[in-house]
Each structure stands twice: as structure tokens, then as C-alpha cells.
Amino acid sequence: MHTEDGNPPAWTQAPEGFDWLAQDADGQWFWYRQQPECGWAGGIWRANSRHQQRAGQGAPNPAWAQTLAQRPPSIGDKDTDP
């Protein structure tokens, strides 16, 4: 999945159980099973490797530390999905 248009990956593409999304400084997007920690020195979000999955590639982002997002409640809720 590529996100070179500047938009984050769509939540509909997130694997089940991966409820966090964030972009690293180099532009790579990742899904996370648990809330990742900001790694300021490396320009990356940190989580155990089994709790993250690559979500796409965007342009390098100097505001990467503001990209952490939690899955919206209506996305992935089996009672509200069509």
C-alpha cells in the first residue's frame, strides 16, 4: 500500500486487532496492536516487532510525531459495519 498522496492509510485496510497507526520520520506508515512509544532520537515509533505491521510508504514527514492515531470506534466494530 502506498500513501504518497499525503493521506494516511485507510482504516478499512488495517488488520484485525491493529488499533493504532503512525508514520515514522522517513515516511513509512505502520499499524500497531498496542500504542507505540515515540522514539524521538530515531524519528520512529517503537513497539515490539510482533505488534507492528507495515502499512505503506509516504513522503518523509517532519511532523511525524503528531501522526499517532487510534482506530475510530466505528471502524472495525462488527455491530456497525455493513
Protein backbone atom coordinates (compact mmCIF):
# COMPACT_ATOMS: atom_id res chain seq x y z
CA MET A 1 0.00 0.00 0.00
CA HIS A 2 1.37 3.41 -0.95
CA THR A 3 0.29 6.69 0.57
CA GLU A 4 2.34 9.13 -1.45
CA ASP A 5 -0.71 11.39 -1.82
CA GLY A 6 -0.05 12.67 1.70
CA ASN A 7 -3.00 10.86 3.26
CA PRO A 8 -2.64 8.14 5.88
CA PRO A 9 -3.66 4.58 5.02
CA ALA A 10 -7.39 3.89 5.28
CA TRP A 11 -8.57 2.22 8.48
CA THR A 12 -10.52 -0.25 6.36
CA GLN A 13 -7.12 -1.67 5.36
CA ALA A 14 -5.95 -2.22 8.97
CA PRO A 15 -5.51 -5.83 10.07
CA GLU A 16 -7.90 -7.02 12.78
CA GLY A 17 -6.60 -6.17 16.23
CA PHE A 18 -4.28 -3.42 15.00
CA ASP A 19 -5.84 -0.33 16.53
CA TRP A 20 -3.05 2.25 16.19
CA LEU A 21 -1.48 3.93 13.16
CA ALA A 22 1.59 6.16 12.98
CA GLN A 23 4.12 7.45 10.47
CA ASP A 24 7.88 7.50 11.02
CA ALA A 25 10.01 10.49 10.01
CA ASP A 26 11.15 8.70 6.83
CA GLY A 27 7.54 8.44 5.64
CA GLN A 28 6.82 4.80 6.46
CA TRP A 29 3.41 4.08 7.97
CA PHE A 30 2.82 1.23 10.44
CA TRP A 31 -0.19 -0.43 12.06
CA TYR A 32 0.21 -1.31 15.75
CA ARG A 33 -1.57 -3.75 18.07
CA GLN A 34 -0.57 -1.70 21.10
CA GLN A 35 0.04 2.01 21.49
CA PRO A 36 3.62 2.63 20.33
CA GLU A 37 6.09 4.91 22.08
CA CYS A 38 7.68 7.88 20.37
CA GLY A 39 11.39 7.36 19.67
CA TRP A 40 12.46 10.98 19.26
CA ALA A 41 16.13 10.24 18.68
CA GLY A 42 15.47 7.84 15.80
CA GLY A 43 12.45 9.52 14.25
CA ILE A 44 10.38 6.36 14.70
CA TRP A 45 7.51 4.93 16.70
CA ARG A 46 8.56 1.96 18.83
CA ALA A 47 6.72 -1.26 19.61
CA ASN A 48 7.62 -4.93 19.79
CA SER A 49 8.03 -6.20 16.22
CA ARG A 50 5.18 -8.70 16.56
CA HIS A 51 2.89 -5.79 17.46
CA GLN A 52 3.56 -3.77 14.30
CA GLN A 53 2.93 -4.25 10.60
CA ARG A 54 3.97 -2.05 7.69
CA ALA A 55 1.03 -0.08 6.31
CA GLY A 56 2.54 1.93 3.46
CA GLN A 57 5.09 4.49 2.31
CA GLY A 58 4.54 8.22 2.25
CA ALA A 59 6.84 11.18 1.86
CA PRO A 60 9.25 11.99 4.70
CA ASN A 61 7.34 13.94 7.33
CA PRO A 62 8.94 16.47 9.69
CA ALA A 63 5.71 16.39 11.76
CA TRP A 64 5.83 12.58 12.14
CA ALA A 65 5.46 12.76 15.95
CA GLN A 66 1.92 14.15 15.51
CA THR A 67 0.70 11.26 13.34
CA LEU A 68 -0.23 8.73 16.03
CA ALA A 69 -3.92 7.84 15.70
CA GLN A 70 -6.18 5.31 17.35
CA ARG A 71 -8.74 3.39 15.32
CA PRO A 72 -12.07 5.26 15.33
CA PRO A 73 -14.76 3.35 17.31
CA SER A 74 -16.99 2.91 14.26
CA ILE A 75 -14.24 1.24 12.20
CA GLY A 76 -13.93 -2.45 12.92
CA ASP A 77 -16.91 -2.64 15.23
CA LYS A 78 -18.75 -5.67 13.92
CA ASP A 79 -22.08 -4.30 15.16
CA THR A 80 -21.81 -1.18 12.97
CA ASP A 81 -20.00 -2.50 9.88
CA PRO A 82 -22.26 -3.31 6.92
